[in-house]
Amino acid sequence: MNIALTSLEDDQAIDIVTIDLSGKSAIADHMIVASGRSSRHVGSIVDKLVERLKREGDVIPRLEGADHGDWALIDAGDIIVHIFRPEVREFYNLERMWLPEGESPNSGQLSS
């Protein structure tokens, strides 16, 4: 998990939010949502994160949606990472969907 957060921070992803999914979903224990400033930035963040997860995380992540640079999903087993362009992120608003009403996201760190 720390590998993903470190990679996102190193590559200057913006508005990094972590969501604890344990007990809420069988798909993963944690979700990270972040943004890139442009399609090119999103693509760069995705490429570097996938490479880092393979190299340091001993995981073979699955990648979806990265072809156009608007949005990408990286499935790293117990962690799901979504990276969006800001406008696309606002449209899908995953934080609203997964966080309980009134709960604010934890930027850059996971809650236990």
Protein backbone atom coordinates (compact mmCIF):
# COMPACT_ATOMS: atom_id res chain seq x y z
CA MET A 1 0.00 0.00 0.00
CA ASN A 2 2.78 2.37 0.89
CA ILE A 3 4.41 1.64 -2.46
CA ALA A 4 1.33 2.96 -4.27
CA LEU A 5 1.06 6.10 -2.13
CA THR A 6 4.78 6.82 -2.42
CA SER A 7 4.69 6.38 -6.19
CA LEU A 8 1.68 8.70 -6.53
CA GLU A 9 3.32 11.34 -4.36
CA ASP A 10 6.67 11.03 -6.19
CA ASP A 11 4.92 11.51 -9.54
CA GLN A 12 3.01 14.53 -8.25
CA ALA A 13 -0.49 13.06 -8.40
CA ILE A 14 -2.99 15.53 -6.97
CA ASP A 15 -5.84 15.11 -4.47
CA ILE A 16 -4.80 11.64 -3.32
CA VAL A 17 -7.61 10.06 -1.30
CA THR A 18 -7.61 6.69 0.42
CA ILE A 19 -10.76 4.77 1.25
CA ASP A 20 -10.97 1.79 3.59
CA LEU A 21 -13.10 -0.87 1.89
CA SER A 22 -12.73 -3.62 4.46
CA GLY A 23 -16.15 -4.90 5.37
CA LYS A 24 -17.73 -2.86 2.53
CA SER A 25 -16.59 -4.83 -0.50
CA ALA A 26 -15.03 -8.14 -1.46
CA ILE A 27 -13.09 -6.57 -4.35
CA ALA A 28 -10.31 -5.03 -2.23
CA ASP A 29 -9.39 -3.83 1.24
CA HIS A 30 -8.45 -0.31 0.17
CA MET A 31 -9.09 2.09 -2.68
CA ILE A 32 -6.93 5.01 -3.69
CA VAL A 33 -8.31 7.78 -5.88
CA ALA A 34 -5.97 10.38 -7.36
CA SER A 35 -5.80 12.83 -10.23
CA GLY A 36 -3.27 13.86 -12.83
CA ARG A 37 -3.19 17.33 -14.34
CA SER A 38 -3.59 16.14 -17.95
CA SER A 39 -3.99 12.99 -20.04
CA ARG A 40 -0.21 12.79 -20.41
CA HIS A 41 0.28 13.17 -16.65
CA VAL A 42 -2.31 10.45 -15.93
CA GLY A 43 -0.53 8.11 -18.35
CA SER A 44 2.85 8.79 -16.79
CA ILE A 45 1.55 8.23 -13.24
CA VAL A 46 -0.07 4.95 -14.32
CA ASP A 47 3.03 3.65 -16.14
CA LYS A 48 5.34 4.41 -13.23
CA LEU A 49 2.96 2.99 -10.62
CA VAL A 50 2.48 -0.26 -12.53
CA GLU A 51 6.25 -0.64 -12.96
CA ARG A 52 6.90 0.12 -9.30
CA LEU A 53 4.26 -2.35 -8.11
CA LYS A 54 5.83 -5.07 -10.26
CA ARG A 55 9.36 -4.25 -9.10
CA GLU A 56 8.84 -3.49 -5.40
CA GLY A 57 5.40 -4.81 -4.55
CA ASP A 58 5.84 -8.36 -5.79
CA VAL A 59 2.47 -7.99 -7.50
CA ILE A 60 1.34 -8.23 -11.11
CA PRO A 61 -1.23 -5.44 -11.33
CA ARG A 62 -4.08 -5.53 -13.82
CA LEU A 63 -4.70 -2.34 -15.75
CA GLU A 64 -7.95 -1.05 -17.28
CA GLY A 65 -8.90 2.12 -19.12
CA ALA A 66 -5.46 3.68 -19.54
CA ASP A 67 -5.60 3.92 -23.35
CA HIS A 68 -6.91 7.49 -23.58
CA GLY A 69 -5.46 9.08 -20.45
CA ASP A 70 -8.80 10.15 -18.99
CA TRP A 71 -9.00 7.43 -16.38
CA ALA A 72 -7.21 4.26 -15.33
CA LEU A 73 -7.87 1.52 -12.84
CA ILE A 74 -4.99 -0.47 -11.40
CA ASP A 75 -5.99 -3.65 -9.58
CA ALA A 76 -3.12 -4.62 -7.29
CA GLY A 77 -4.93 -7.33 -5.34
CA ASP A 78 -6.04 -5.90 -2.03
CA ILE A 79 -5.66 -2.34 -3.36
CA ILE A 80 -7.55 -0.70 -6.21
CA VAL A 81 -6.10 2.56 -7.58
CA HIS A 82 -8.14 4.94 -9.74
CA ILE A 83 -6.32 7.77 -11.50
CA PHE A 84 -8.37 10.42 -13.31
CA ARG A 85 -8.11 13.70 -15.10
CA PRO A 86 -9.83 16.18 -12.71
CA GLU A 87 -12.95 16.66 -14.87
CA VAL A 88 -13.48 12.92 -15.23
CA ARG A 89 -12.95 12.37 -11.51
CA GLU A 90 -15.54 15.01 -10.70
CA PHE A 91 -18.03 13.36 -13.05
CA TYR A 92 -17.68 9.87 -11.51
CA ASN A 93 -17.23 11.09 -7.92
CA LEU A 94 -16.13 7.73 -6.51
CA GLU A 95 -15.46 9.21 -3.10
CA ARG A 96 -19.15 9.99 -2.70
CA MET A 97 -20.07 6.46 -3.70
CA TRP A 98 -17.70 4.67 -1.30
CA LEU A 99 -17.48 6.94 1.74
CA PRO A 100 -20.26 6.97 4.33
CA GLU A 101 -22.32 10.15 4.37
CA GLY A 102 -20.56 12.88 6.29
CA GLU A 103 -17.19 11.10 6.36
CA SER A 104 -14.36 13.00 4.75
CA PRO A 105 -11.61 11.18 2.87
CA ASN A 106 -8.16 10.71 4.34
CA SER A 107 -5.75 12.37 1.96
CA GLY A 108 -2.52 10.45 1.49
CA GLN A 109 -3.01 7.87 4.20
CA LEU A 110 -5.09 4.83 4.97
CA SER A 111 -7.40 4.54 7.88
CA SER A 112 -7.28 1.29 9.83
